[in-house]
Amino acid sequence: MTMAWDSASFESILAMIVAALFAVAGVVNLAGLGGVKRDFARWGYPAWFQLLCGALELLGAALLLGQQTRVFGLTLVGAIMIGALFTLLRNRESFRHLAPALIFSALIVATVALRA
């Protein structure tokens, strides 16, 4: 028995991967794990902004899970990544910080492209 792969199936798989990544990122931001608190402070953001980002990341992940809400999820996580990339570039962060943001962004773009 062979499984046929169409763009809708691949789009759903990519959306689930992006949802999982944003769920993890949301938990990390909400819990302030690693150097998250230090990074947000260094970038000049108030302490509550880290919590807002975490909550929005979790919301985006949840929206990506539903076929009916996926467009809203992609829009939200896309906006989050635009803000993140702007912050990282403005602060001249190292590639260590920039690489994950670029990978997340590429996965979002690929998921949107497969929806078309």
PDB file of N, CA and C in Angstrom:
ATOM      1  N   MET A   1       0.846  -1.177   0.000  1.00  0.00           N
ATOM      2  CA  MET A   1       0.000   0.000   0.000  1.00  0.00           C
ATOM      3  C   MET A   1       0.895   1.245   0.000  1.00  0.00           C
ATOM      4  N   THR A   2       0.668   2.124  -0.934  1.00  0.00           N
ATOM      5  CA  THR A   2       1.458   3.350  -1.012  1.00  0.00           C
ATOM      6  C   THR A   2       0.599   4.522  -0.574  1.00  0.00           C
ATOM      7  N   MET A   3       1.289   5.489   0.015  1.00  0.00           N
ATOM      8  CA  MET A   3       0.594   6.692   0.481  1.00  0.00           C
ATOM      9  C   MET A   3       0.870   7.816  -0.503  1.00  0.00           C
ATOM     10  N   ALA A   4      -0.165   8.410  -1.024  1.00  0.00           N
ATOM     11  CA  ALA A   4      -0.002   9.515  -1.964  1.00  0.00           C
ATOM     12  C   ALA A   4       0.217  10.806  -1.178  1.00  0.00           C
ATOM     13  N   TRP A   5       1.247  11.522  -1.537  1.00  0.00           N
ATOM     14  CA  TRP A   5       1.550  12.794  -0.898  1.00  0.00           C
ATOM     15  C   TRP A   5       1.097  13.914  -1.819  1.00  0.00           C
ATOM     16  N   ASP A   6       0.178  14.702  -1.356  1.00  0.00           N
ATOM     17  CA  ASP A   6      -0.222  15.877  -2.114  1.00  0.00           C
ATOM     18  C   ASP A   6       0.182  17.118  -1.326  1.00  0.00           C
ATOM     19  N   SER A   7       0.025  18.273  -1.943  1.00  0.00           N
ATOM     20  CA  SER A   7       0.475  19.506  -1.281  1.00  0.00           C
ATOM     21  C   SER A   7      -0.322  19.790  -0.012  1.00  0.00           C
ATOM     22  N   ALA A   8      -1.588  19.387   0.029  1.00  0.00           N
ATOM     23  CA  ALA A   8      -2.399  19.623   1.234  1.00  0.00           C
ATOM     24  C   ALA A   8      -1.871  18.797   2.409  1.00  0.00           C
ATOM     25  N   SER A   9      -1.477  17.561   2.139  1.00  0.00           N
ATOM     26  CA  SER A   9      -0.922  16.717   3.204  1.00  0.00           C
ATOM     27  C   SER A   9       0.395  17.284   3.707  1.00  0.00           C
ATOM     28  N   PHE A  10       1.244  17.669   2.777  1.00  0.00           N
ATOM     29  CA  PHE A  10       2.543  18.219   3.153  1.00  0.00           C
ATOM     30  C   PHE A  10       2.373  19.536   3.896  1.00  0.00           C
ATOM     31  N   GLU A  11       1.411  20.348   3.468  1.00  0.00           N
ATOM     32  CA  GLU A  11       1.127  21.624   4.144  1.00  0.00           C
ATOM     33  C   GLU A  11       0.684  21.369   5.580  1.00  0.00           C
ATOM     34  N   SER A  12      -0.167  20.366   5.788  1.00  0.00           N
ATOM     35  CA  SER A  12      -0.623  20.039   7.142  1.00  0.00           C
ATOM     36  C   SER A  12       0.526  19.573   8.024  1.00  0.00           C
ATOM     37  N   ILE A  13       1.419  18.770   7.463  1.00  0.00           N
ATOM     38  CA  ILE A  13       2.579  18.299   8.224  1.00  0.00           C
ATOM     39  C   ILE A  13       3.478  19.474   8.595  1.00  0.00           C
ATOM     40  N   LEU A  14       3.753  20.345   7.629  1.00  0.00           N
ATOM     41  CA  LEU A  14       4.578  21.524   7.919  1.00  0.00           C
ATOM     42  C   LEU A  14       3.914  22.410   8.970  1.00  0.00           C
ATOM     43  N   ALA A  15       2.605  22.589   8.869  1.00  0.00           N
ATOM     44  CA  ALA A  15       1.884  23.411   9.847  1.00  0.00           C
ATOM     45  C   ALA A  15       2.012  22.815  11.253  1.00  0.00           C
ATOM     46  N   MET A  16       1.971  21.496  11.356  1.00  0.00           N
ATOM     47  CA  MET A  16       2.124  20.845  12.668  1.00  0.00           C
ATOM     48  C   MET A  16       3.545  21.041  13.209  1.00  0.00           C
ATOM     49  N   ILE A  17       4.528  20.985  12.329  1.00  0.00           N
ATOM     50  CA  ILE A  17       5.914  21.220  12.751  1.00  0.00           C
ATOM     51  C   ILE A  17       6.073  22.659  13.251  1.00  0.00           C
ATOM     52  N   VAL A  18       5.537  23.602  12.488  1.00  0.00           N
ATOM     53  CA  VAL A  18       5.613  25.015  12.894  1.00  0.00           C
ATOM     54  C   VAL A  18       4.867  25.216  14.215  1.00  0.00           C
ATOM     55  N   ALA A  19       3.702  24.574  14.362  1.00  0.00           N
ATOM     56  CA  ALA A  19       2.941  24.687  15.614  1.00  0.00           C
ATOM     57  C   ALA A  19       3.759  24.165  16.789  1.00  0.00           C
ATOM     58  N   ALA A  20       4.410  23.034  16.602  1.00  0.00           N
ATOM     59  CA  ALA A  20       5.228  22.463  17.689  1.00  0.00           C
ATOM     60  C   ALA A  20       6.375  23.397  18.054  1.00  0.00           C
ATOM     61  N   LEU A  21       7.038  23.961  17.043  1.00  0.00           N
ATOM     62  CA  LEU A  21       8.148  24.883  17.305  1.00  0.00           C
ATOM     63  C   LEU A  21       7.681  26.120  18.066  1.00  0.00           C
ATOM     64  N   PHE A  22       6.534  26.667  17.666  1.00  0.00           N
ATOM     65  CA  PHE A  22       6.021  27.859  18.351  1.00  0.00           C
ATOM     66  C   PHE A  22       5.481  27.534  19.738  1.00  0.00           C
ATOM     67  N   ALA A  23       4.959  26.337  19.924  1.00  0.00           N
ATOM     68  CA  ALA A  23       4.515  25.936  21.263  1.00  0.00           C
ATOM     69  C   ALA A  23       5.714  25.866  22.211  1.00  0.00           C
ATOM     70  N   VAL A  24       6.803  25.273  21.732  1.00  0.00           N
ATOM     71  CA  VAL A  24       8.019  25.199  22.561  1.00  0.00           C
ATOM     72  C   VAL A  24       8.545  26.608  22.839  1.00  0.00           C
ATOM     73  N   ALA A  25       8.601  27.445  21.801  1.00  0.00           N
ATOM     74  CA  ALA A  25       9.093  28.815  21.977  1.00  0.00           C
ATOM     75  C   ALA A  25       8.216  29.584  22.964  1.00  0.00           C
ATOM     76  N   GLY A  26       6.910  29.374  22.889  1.00  0.00           N
ATOM     77  CA  GLY A  26       5.994  30.044  23.803  1.00  0.00           C
ATOM     78  C   GLY A  26       6.228  29.635  25.248  1.00  0.00           C
ATOM     79  N   VAL A  27       6.415  28.345  25.467  1.00  0.00           N
ATOM     80  CA  VAL A  27       6.687  27.857  26.827  1.00  0.00           C
ATOM     81  C   VAL A  27       8.011  28.415  27.340  1.00  0.00           C
ATOM     82  N   VAL A  28       9.024  28.438  26.477  1.00  0.00           N
ATOM     83  CA  VAL A  28      10.335  28.973  26.871  1.00  0.00           C
ATOM     84  C   VAL A  28      10.202  30.439  27.271  1.00  0.00           C
ATOM     85  N   ASN A  29       9.476  31.218  26.476  1.00  0.00           N
ATOM     86  CA  ASN A  29       9.302  32.630  26.810  1.00  0.00           C
ATOM     87  C   ASN A  29       8.475  32.824  28.073  1.00  0.00           C
ATOM     88  N   LEU A  30       7.396  32.074  28.211  1.00  0.00           N
ATOM     89  CA  LEU A  30       6.557  32.229  29.409  1.00  0.00           C
ATOM     90  C   LEU A  30       7.299  31.818  30.677  1.00  0.00           C
ATOM     91  N   ALA A  31       8.109  30.782  30.584  1.00  0.00           N
ATOM     92  CA  ALA A  31       8.851  30.298  31.753  1.00  0.00           C
ATOM     93  C   ALA A  31      10.142  31.081  31.978  1.00  0.00           C
ATOM     94  N   GLY A  32      10.546  31.859  30.992  1.00  0.00           N
ATOM     95  CA  GLY A  32      11.794  32.619  31.121  1.00  0.00           C
ATOM     96  C   GLY A  32      13.010  31.721  31.187  1.00  0.00           C
ATOM     97  N   LEU A  33      12.972  30.625  30.441  1.00  0.00           N
ATOM     98  CA  LEU A  33      14.065  29.654  30.473  1.00  0.00           C
ATOM     99  C   LEU A  33      15.321  30.194  29.790  1.00  0.00           C
ATOM    100  N   GLY A  34      16.448  29.654  30.190  1.00  0.00           N
ATOM    101  CA  GLY A  34      17.717  30.055  29.581  1.00  0.00           C
ATOM    102  C   GLY A  34      17.978  31.530  29.807  1.00  0.00           C
ATOM    103  N   GLY A  35      18.434  32.193  28.773  1.00  0.00           N
ATOM    104  CA  GLY A  35      18.750  33.612  28.874  1.00  0.00           C
ATOM    105  C   GLY A  35      17.640  34.507  28.372  1.00  0.00           C
ATOM    106  N   VAL A  36      16.405  33.993  28.331  1.00  0.00           N
ATOM    107  CA  VAL A  36      15.296  34.752  27.755  1.00  0.00           C
ATOM    108  C   VAL A  36      15.088  36.091  28.455  1.00  0.00           C
ATOM    109  N   LYS A  37      15.023  36.082  29.773  1.00  0.00           N
ATOM    110  CA  LYS A  37      14.802  37.338  30.509  1.00  0.00           C
ATOM    111  C   LYS A  37      15.923  38.333  30.231  1.00  0.00           C
ATOM    112  N   ARG A  38      17.153  37.833  30.251  1.00  0.00           N
ATOM    113  CA  ARG A  38      18.315  38.686  29.988  1.00  0.00           C
ATOM    114  C   ARG A  38      18.262  39.248  28.562  1.00  0.00           C
ATOM    115  N   ASP A  39      17.896  38.401  27.601  1.00  0.00           N
ATOM    116  CA  ASP A  39      17.839  38.855  26.209  1.00  0.00           C
ATOM    117  C   ASP A  39      16.796  39.950  26.025  1.00  0.00           C
ATOM    118  N   PHE A  40      15.586  39.743  26.540  1.00  0.00           N
ATOM    119  CA  PHE A  40      14.537  40.751  26.379  1.00  0.00           C
ATOM    120  C   PHE A  40      14.951  42.073  27.033  1.00  0.00           C
ATOM    121  N   ALA A  41      15.591  42.004  28.192  1.00  0.00           N
ATOM    122  CA  ALA A  41      16.065  43.217  28.862  1.00  0.00           C
ATOM    123  C   ALA A  41      17.152  43.891  28.025  1.00  0.00           C
ATOM    124  N   ARG A  42      18.061  43.091  27.491  1.00  0.00           N
ATOM    125  CA  ARG A  42      19.160  43.634  26.679  1.00  0.00           C
ATOM    126  C   ARG A  42      18.625  44.310  25.417  1.00  0.00           C
ATOM    127  N   TRP A  43      17.541  43.783  24.888  1.00  0.00           N
ATOM    128  CA  TRP A  43      16.945  44.365  23.687  1.00  0.00           C
ATOM    129  C   TRP A  43      16.094  45.587  23.994  1.00  0.00           C
ATOM    130  N   GLY A  44      15.942  45.910  25.280  1.00  0.00           N
ATOM    131  CA  GLY A  44      15.202  47.105  25.668  1.00  0.00           C
ATOM    132  C   GLY A  44      13.708  46.922  25.842  1.00  0.00           C
ATOM    133  N   TYR A  45      13.250  45.687  25.937  1.00  0.00           N
ATOM    134  CA  TYR A  45      11.825  45.432  26.108  1.00  0.00           C
ATOM    135  C   TYR A  45      11.483  45.313  27.594  1.00  0.00           C
ATOM    136  N   PRO A  46      10.268  45.743  27.977  1.00  0.00           N
ATOM    137  CA  PRO A  46       9.852  45.586  29.372  1.00  0.00           C
ATOM    138  C   PRO A  46       9.637  44.102  29.694  1.00  0.00           C
ATOM    139  N   ALA A  47       9.670  43.770  30.968  1.00  0.00           N
ATOM    140  CA  ALA A  47       9.561  42.373  31.404  1.00  0.00           C
ATOM    141  C   ALA A  47       8.274  41.711  30.916  1.00  0.00           C
ATOM    142  N   TRP A  48       7.170  42.442  30.891  1.00  0.00           N
ATOM    143  CA  TRP A  48       5.890  41.867  30.476  1.00  0.00           C
ATOM    144  C   TRP A  48       5.879  41.481  29.004  1.00  0.00           C
ATOM    145  N   PHE A  49       6.750  42.076  28.198  1.00  0.00           N
ATOM    146  CA  PHE A  49       6.754  41.809  26.758  1.00  0.00           C
ATOM    147  C   PHE A  49       7.135  40.356  26.461  1.00  0.00           C
ATOM    148  N   GLN A  50       8.006  39.809  27.255  1.00  0.00           N
ATOM    149  CA  GLN A  50       8.400  38.404  27.116  1.00  0.00           C
ATOM    150  C   GLN A  50       7.178  37.498  27.321  1.00  0.00           C
ATOM    151  N   LEU A  51       6.345  37.842  28.296  1.00  0.00           N
ATOM    152  CA  LEU A  51       5.132  37.063  28.564  1.00  0.00           C
ATOM    153  C   LEU A  51       4.123  37.208  27.429  1.00  0.00           C
ATOM    154  N   LEU A  52       4.001  38.418  26.899  1.00  0.00           N
ATOM    155  CA  LEU A  52       3.110  38.646  25.762  1.00  0.00           C
ATOM    156  C   LEU A  52       3.572  37.819  24.559  1.00  0.00           C
ATOM    157  N   CYS A  53       4.862  37.843  24.294  1.00  0.00           N
ATOM    158  CA  CYS A  53       5.397  37.066  23.168  1.00  0.00           C
ATOM    159  C   CYS A  53       5.118  35.574  23.356  1.00  0.00           C
ATOM    160  N   GLY A  54       5.341  35.075  24.553  1.00  0.00           N
ATOM    161  CA  GLY A  54       5.079  33.664  24.829  1.00  0.00           C
ATOM    162  C   GLY A  54       3.617  33.307  24.630  1.00  0.00           C
ATOM    163  N   ALA A  55       2.729  34.161  25.117  1.00  0.00           N
ATOM    164  CA  ALA A  55       1.295  33.905  24.966  1.00  0.00           C
ATOM    165  C   ALA A  55       0.882  33.935  23.496  1.00  0.00           C
ATOM    166  N   LEU A  56       1.410  34.902  22.735  1.00  0.00           N
ATOM    167  CA  LEU A  56       1.085  34.986  21.307  1.00  0.00           C
ATOM    168  C   LEU A  56       1.648  33.790  20.540  1.00  0.00           C
ATOM    169  N   GLU A  57       2.824  33.324  20.932  1.00  0.00           N
ATOM    170  CA  GLU A  57       3.394  32.140  20.291  1.00  0.00           C
ATOM    171  C   GLU A  57       2.521  30.907  20.543  1.00  0.00           C
ATOM    172  N   LEU A  58       2.038  30.754  21.762  1.00  0.00           N
ATOM    173  CA  LEU A  58       1.140  29.635  22.069  1.00  0.00           C
ATOM    174  C   LEU A  58      -0.187  29.762  21.321  1.00  0.00           C
ATOM    175  N   LEU A  59      -0.717  30.979  21.241  1.00  0.00           N
ATOM    176  CA  LEU A  59      -1.950  31.197  20.487  1.00  0.00           C
ATOM    177  C   LEU A  59      -1.735  30.854  19.015  1.00  0.00           C
ATOM    178  N   GLY A  60      -0.624  31.313  18.454  1.00  0.00           N
ATOM    179  CA  GLY A  60      -0.310  31.005  17.063  1.00  0.00           C
ATOM    180  C   GLY A  60      -0.211  29.508  16.831  1.00  0.00           C
ATOM    181  N   ALA A  61       0.446  28.808  17.753  1.00  0.00           N
ATOM    182  CA  ALA A  61       0.572  27.345  17.644  1.00  0.00           C
ATOM    183  C   ALA A  61      -0.808  26.695  17.659  1.00  0.00           C
ATOM    184  N   ALA A  62      -1.677  27.139  18.547  1.00  0.00           N
ATOM    185  CA  ALA A  62      -3.027  26.562  18.631  1.00  0.00           C
ATOM    186  C   ALA A  62      -3.818  26.824  17.354  1.00  0.00           C
ATOM    187  N   LEU A  63      -3.708  28.034  16.813  1.00  0.00           N
ATOM    188  CA  LEU A  63      -4.433  28.373  15.583  1.00  0.00           C
ATOM    189  C   LEU A  63      -3.932  27.549  14.395  1.00  0.00           C
ATOM    190  N   LEU A  64      -2.665  27.206  14.394  1.00  0.00           N
ATOM    191  CA  LEU A  64      -2.112  26.409  13.290  1.00  0.00           C
ATOM    192  C   LEU A  64      -2.663  24.987  13.259  1.00  0.00           C
ATOM    193  N   LEU A  65      -3.132  24.504  14.385  1.00  0.00           N
ATOM    194  CA  LEU A  65      -3.599  23.116  14.470  1.00  0.00           C
ATOM    195  C   LEU A  65      -4.904  22.886  13.722  1.00  0.00           C
ATOM    196  N   GLY A  66      -5.744  23.899  13.620  1.00  0.00           N
ATOM    197  CA  GLY A  66      -7.035  23.744  12.950  1.00  0.00           C
ATOM    198  C   GLY A  66      -6.975  24.180  11.503  1.00  0.00           C
ATOM    199  N   GLN A  67      -7.577  23.395  10.638  1.00  0.00           N
ATOM    200  CA  GLN A  67      -7.609  23.756   9.210  1.00  0.00           C
ATOM    201  C   GLN A  67      -8.344  25.083   9.008  1.00  0.00           C
ATOM    202  N   GLN A  68      -9.413  25.296   9.778  1.00  0.00           N
ATOM    203  CA  GLN A  68     -10.220  26.519   9.647  1.00  0.00           C
ATOM    204  C   GLN A  68      -9.503  27.760  10.178  1.00  0.00           C
ATOM    205  N   THR A  69      -8.579  27.581  11.117  1.00  0.00           N
ATOM    206  CA  THR A  69      -7.903  28.724  11.751  1.00  0.00           C
ATOM    207  C   THR A  69      -6.441  28.863  11.311  1.00  0.00           C
ATOM    208  N   ARG A  70      -6.003  27.986  10.432  1.00  0.00           N
ATOM    209  CA  ARG A  70      -4.589  27.959  10.056  1.00  0.00           C
ATOM    210  C   ARG A  70      -4.114  29.273   9.426  1.00  0.00           C
ATOM    211  N   VAL A  71      -4.933  29.903   8.607  1.00  0.00           N
ATOM    212  CA  VAL A  71      -4.532  31.176   7.989  1.00  0.00           C
ATOM    213  C   VAL A  71      -4.265  32.227   9.056  1.00  0.00           C
ATOM    214  N   PHE A  72      -5.118  32.260  10.089  1.00  0.00           N
ATOM    215  CA  PHE A  72      -4.915  33.211  11.186  1.00  0.00           C
ATOM    216  C   PHE A  72      -3.630  32.872  11.948  1.00  0.00           C
ATOM    217  N   GLY A  73      -3.386  31.597  12.152  1.00  0.00           N
ATOM    218  CA  GLY A  73      -2.163  31.161  12.823  1.00  0.00           C
ATOM    219  C   GLY A  73      -0.925  31.534  12.035  1.00  0.00           C
ATOM    220  N   LEU A  74      -0.966  31.299  10.729  1.00  0.00           N
ATOM    221  CA  LEU A  74       0.182  31.649   9.875  1.00  0.00           C
ATOM    222  C   LEU A  74       0.416  33.159   9.867  1.00  0.00           C
ATOM    223  N   THR A  75      -0.660  33.912   9.854  1.00  0.00           N
ATOM    224  CA  THR A  75      -0.538  35.379   9.899  1.00  0.00           C
ATOM    225  C   THR A  75       0.095  35.820  11.213  1.00  0.00           C
ATOM    226  N   LEU A  76      -0.371  35.250  12.314  1.00  0.00           N
ATOM    227  CA  LEU A  76       0.158  35.626  13.625  1.00  0.00           C
ATOM    228  C   LEU A  76       1.624  35.227  13.772  1.00  0.00           C
ATOM    229  N   VAL A  77       1.964  33.976  13.455  1.00  0.00           N
ATOM    230  CA  VAL A  77       3.359  33.568  13.631  1.00  0.00           C
ATOM    231  C   VAL A  77       4.275  34.281  12.628  1.00  0.00           C
ATOM    232  N   GLY A  78       3.733  34.609  11.460  1.00  0.00           N
ATOM    233  CA  GLY A  78       4.517  35.403  10.500  1.00  0.00           C
ATOM    234  C   GLY A  78       4.833  36.782  11.053  1.00  0.00           C
ATOM    235  N   ALA A  79       3.833  37.413  11.668  1.00  0.00           N
ATOM    236  CA  ALA A  79       4.042  38.736  12.281  1.00  0.00           C
ATOM    237  C   ALA A  79       5.034  38.648  13.441  1.00  0.00           C
ATOM    238  N   ILE A  80       4.927  37.583  14.224  1.00  0.00           N
ATOM    239  CA  ILE A  80       5.872  37.384  15.325  1.00  0.00           C
ATOM    240  C   ILE A  80       7.291  37.291  14.783  1.00  0.00           C
ATOM    241  N   MET A  81       7.466  36.551  13.698  1.00  0.00           N
ATOM    242  CA  MET A  81       8.815  36.379  13.143  1.00  0.00           C
ATOM    243  C   MET A  81       9.351  37.663  12.527  1.00  0.00           C
ATOM    244  N   ILE A  82       8.491  38.472  11.943  1.00  0.00           N
ATOM    245  CA  ILE A  82       8.944  39.768  11.427  1.00  0.00           C
ATOM    246  C   ILE A  82       9.488  40.602  12.583  1.00  0.00           C
ATOM    247  N   GLY A  83       8.748  40.629  13.692  1.00  0.00           N
ATOM    248  CA  GLY A  83       9.213  41.357  14.877  1.00  0.00           C
ATOM    249  C   GLY A  83      10.502  40.788  15.434  1.00  0.00           C
ATOM    250  N   ALA A  84      10.590  39.466  15.484  1.00  0.00           N
ATOM    251  CA  ALA A  84      11.796  38.823  16.017  1.00  0.00           C
ATOM    252  C   ALA A  84      13.007  39.114  15.130  1.00  0.00           C
ATOM    253  N   LEU A  85      12.828  38.987  13.827  1.00  0.00           N
ATOM    254  CA  LEU A  85      13.951  39.259  12.917  1.00  0.00           C
ATOM    255  C   LEU A  85      14.379  40.718  13.002  1.00  0.00           C
ATOM    256  N   PHE A  86      13.410  41.624  13.087  1.00  0.00           N
ATOM    257  CA  PHE A  86      13.733  43.046  13.243  1.00  0.00           C
ATOM    258  C   PHE A  86      14.557  43.270  14.505  1.00  0.00           C
ATOM    259  N   THR A  87      14.108  42.669  15.615  1.00  0.00           N
ATOM    260  CA  THR A  87      14.827  42.813  16.890  1.00  0.00           C
ATOM    261  C   THR A  87      16.247  42.266  16.779  1.00  0.00           C
ATOM    262  N   LEU A  88      16.389  41.081  16.220  1.00  0.00           N
ATOM    263  CA  LEU A  88      17.708  40.449  16.117  1.00  0.00           C
ATOM    264  C   LEU A  88      18.645  41.245  15.222  1.00  0.00           C
ATOM    265  N   LEU A  89      18.143  41.731  14.099  1.00  0.00           N
ATOM    266  CA  LEU A  89      18.985  42.508  13.187  1.00  0.00           C
ATOM    267  C   LEU A  89      19.324  43.874  13.768  1.00  0.00           C
ATOM    268  N   ARG A  90      18.326  44.518  14.390  1.00  0.00           N
ATOM    269  CA  ARG A  90      18.560  45.840  14.998  1.00  0.00           C
ATOM    270  C   ARG A  90      19.637  45.770  16.072  1.00  0.00           C
ATOM    271  N   ASN A  91      19.657  44.665  16.813  1.00  0.00           N
ATOM    272  CA  ASN A  91      20.615  44.491  17.893  1.00  0.00           C
ATOM    273  C   ASN A  91      21.879  43.756  17.465  1.00  0.00           C
ATOM    274  N   ARG A  92      21.994  43.527  16.170  1.00  0.00           N
ATOM    275  CA  ARG A  92      23.183  42.870  15.596  1.00  0.00           C
ATOM    276  C   ARG A  92      23.550  41.581  16.338  1.00  0.00           C
ATOM    277  N   GLU A  93      22.517  40.752  16.525  1.00  0.00           N
ATOM    278  CA  GLU A  93      22.729  39.480  17.209  1.00  0.00           C
ATOM    279  C   GLU A  93      23.556  38.532  16.345  1.00  0.00           C
ATOM    280  N   SER A  94      24.201  37.604  16.999  1.00  0.00           N
ATOM    281  CA  SER A  94      25.038  36.629  16.308  1.00  0.00           C
ATOM    282  C   SER A  94      24.165  35.657  15.511  1.00  0.00           C
ATOM    283  N   PHE A  95      24.813  34.922  14.637  1.00  0.00           N
ATOM    284  CA  PHE A  95      24.113  33.932  13.826  1.00  0.00           C
ATOM    285  C   PHE A  95      23.456  32.869  14.705  1.00  0.00           C
ATOM    286  N   ARG A  96      23.990  32.647  15.880  1.00  0.00           N
ATOM    287  CA  ARG A  96      23.416  31.684  16.833  1.00  0.00           C
ATOM    288  C   ARG A  96      21.967  32.057  17.173  1.00  0.00           C
ATOM    289  N   HIS A  97      21.681  33.351  17.274  1.00  0.00           N
ATOM    290  CA  HIS A  97      20.318  33.808  17.525  1.00  0.00           C
ATOM    291  C   HIS A  97      19.517  33.900  16.223  1.00  0.00           C
ATOM    292  N   LEU A  98      20.181  34.309  15.167  1.00  0.00           N
ATOM    293  CA  LEU A  98      19.501  34.565  13.903  1.00  0.00           C
ATOM    294  C   LEU A  98      19.098  33.277  13.189  1.00  0.00           C
ATOM    295  N   ALA A  99      19.906  32.238  13.261  1.00  0.00           N
ATOM    296  CA  ALA A  99      19.643  30.993  12.521  1.00  0.00           C
ATOM    297  C   ALA A  99      18.279  30.382  12.856  1.00  0.00           C
ATOM    298  N   PRO A 100      17.932  30.200  14.133  1.00  0.00           N
ATOM    299  CA  PRO A 100      16.604  29.626  14.411  1.00  0.00           C
ATOM    300  C   PRO A 100      15.464  30.492  13.868  1.00  0.00           C
ATOM    301  N   ALA A 101      15.603  31.806  13.970  1.00  0.00           N
ATOM    302  CA  ALA A 101      14.563  32.709  13.463  1.00  0.00           C
ATOM    303  C   ALA A 101      14.424  32.566  11.947  1.00  0.00           C
ATOM    304  N   LEU A 102      15.530  32.399  11.258  1.00  0.00           N
ATOM    305  CA  LEU A 102      15.485  32.213   9.803  1.00  0.00           C
ATOM    306  C   LEU A 102      14.853  30.872   9.435  1.00  0.00           C
ATOM    307  N   ILE A 103      15.144  29.846  10.203  1.00  0.00           N
ATOM    308  CA  ILE A 103      14.548  28.529   9.952  1.00  0.00           C
ATOM    309  C   ILE A 103      13.046  28.575  10.207  1.00  0.00           C
ATOM    310  N   PHE A 104      12.624  29.158  11.331  1.00  0.00           N
ATOM    311  CA  PHE A 104      11.196  29.301  11.622  1.00  0.00           C
ATOM    312  C   PHE A 104      10.512  30.049  10.481  1.00  0.00           C
ATOM    313  N   SER A 105      11.131  31.148  10.042  1.00  0.00           N
ATOM    314  CA  SER A 105      10.551  31.970   8.974  1.00  0.00           C
ATOM    315  C   SER A 105      10.442  31.184   7.669  1.00  0.00           C
ATOM    316  N   ALA A 106      11.467  30.431   7.332  1.00  0.00           N
ATOM    317  CA  ALA A 106      11.442  29.631   6.107  1.00  0.00           C
ATOM    318  C   ALA A 106      10.331  28.581   6.161  1.00  0.00           C
ATOM    319  N   LEU A 107      10.125  27.967   7.313  1.00  0.00           N
ATOM    320  CA  LEU A 107       9.055  26.977   7.456  1.00  0.00           C
ATOM    321  C   LEU A 107       7.678  27.624   7.311  1.00  0.00           C
ATOM    322  N   ILE A 108       7.532  28.830   7.837  1.00  0.00           N
ATOM    323  CA  ILE A 108       6.264  29.551   7.690  1.00  0.00           C
ATOM    324  C   ILE A 108       6.009  29.869   6.220  1.00  0.00           C
ATOM    325  N   VAL A 109       7.029  30.387   5.541  1.00  0.00           N
ATOM    326  CA  VAL A 109       6.896  30.725   4.115  1.00  0.00           C
ATOM    327  C   VAL A 109       6.555  29.476   3.294  1.00  0.00           C
ATOM    328  N   ALA A 110       7.220  28.363   3.582  1.00  0.00           N
ATOM    329  CA  ALA A 110       6.945  27.116   2.862  1.00  0.00           C
ATOM    330  C   ALA A 110       5.500  26.660   3.096  1.00  0.00           C
ATOM    331  N   THR A 111       5.032  26.785   4.331  1.00  0.00           N
ATOM    332  CA  THR A 111       3.656  26.388   4.639  1.00  0.00           C
ATOM    333  C   THR A 111       2.661  27.266   3.896  1.00  0.00           C
ATOM    334  N   VAL A 112       2.904  28.566   3.865  1.00  0.00           N
ATOM    335  CA  VAL A 112       2.023  29.495   3.135  1.00  0.00           C
ATOM    336  C   VAL A 112       2.054  29.168   1.648  1.00  0.00           C
ATOM    337  N   ALA A 113       3.229  28.904   1.109  1.00  0.00           N
ATOM    338  CA  ALA A 113       3.366  28.602  -0.318  1.00  0.00           C
ATOM    339  C   ALA A 113       2.580  27.350  -0.696  1.00  0.00           C
ATOM    340  N   LEU A 114       2.562  26.370   0.174  1.00  0.00           N
ATOM    341  CA  LEU A 114       1.828  25.133  -0.119  1.00  0.00           C
ATOM    342  C   LEU A 114       0.321  25.316  -0.048  1.00  0.00           C
ATOM    343  N   ARG A 115      -0.118  26.348   0.653  1.00  0.00           N
ATOM    344  CA  ARG A 115      -1.560  26.635   0.733  1.00  0.00           C
ATOM    345  C   ARG A 115      -2.085  27.211  -0.567  1.00  0.00           C
ATOM    346  N   ALA A 116      -1.226  27.833  -1.337  1.00  0.00           N
ATOM    347  CA  ALA A 116      -1.653  28.525  -2.572  1.00  0.00           C
ATOM    348  C   ALA A 116      -2.019  27.556  -3.667  1.00  0.00           C
TER     349      ALA A 116
END
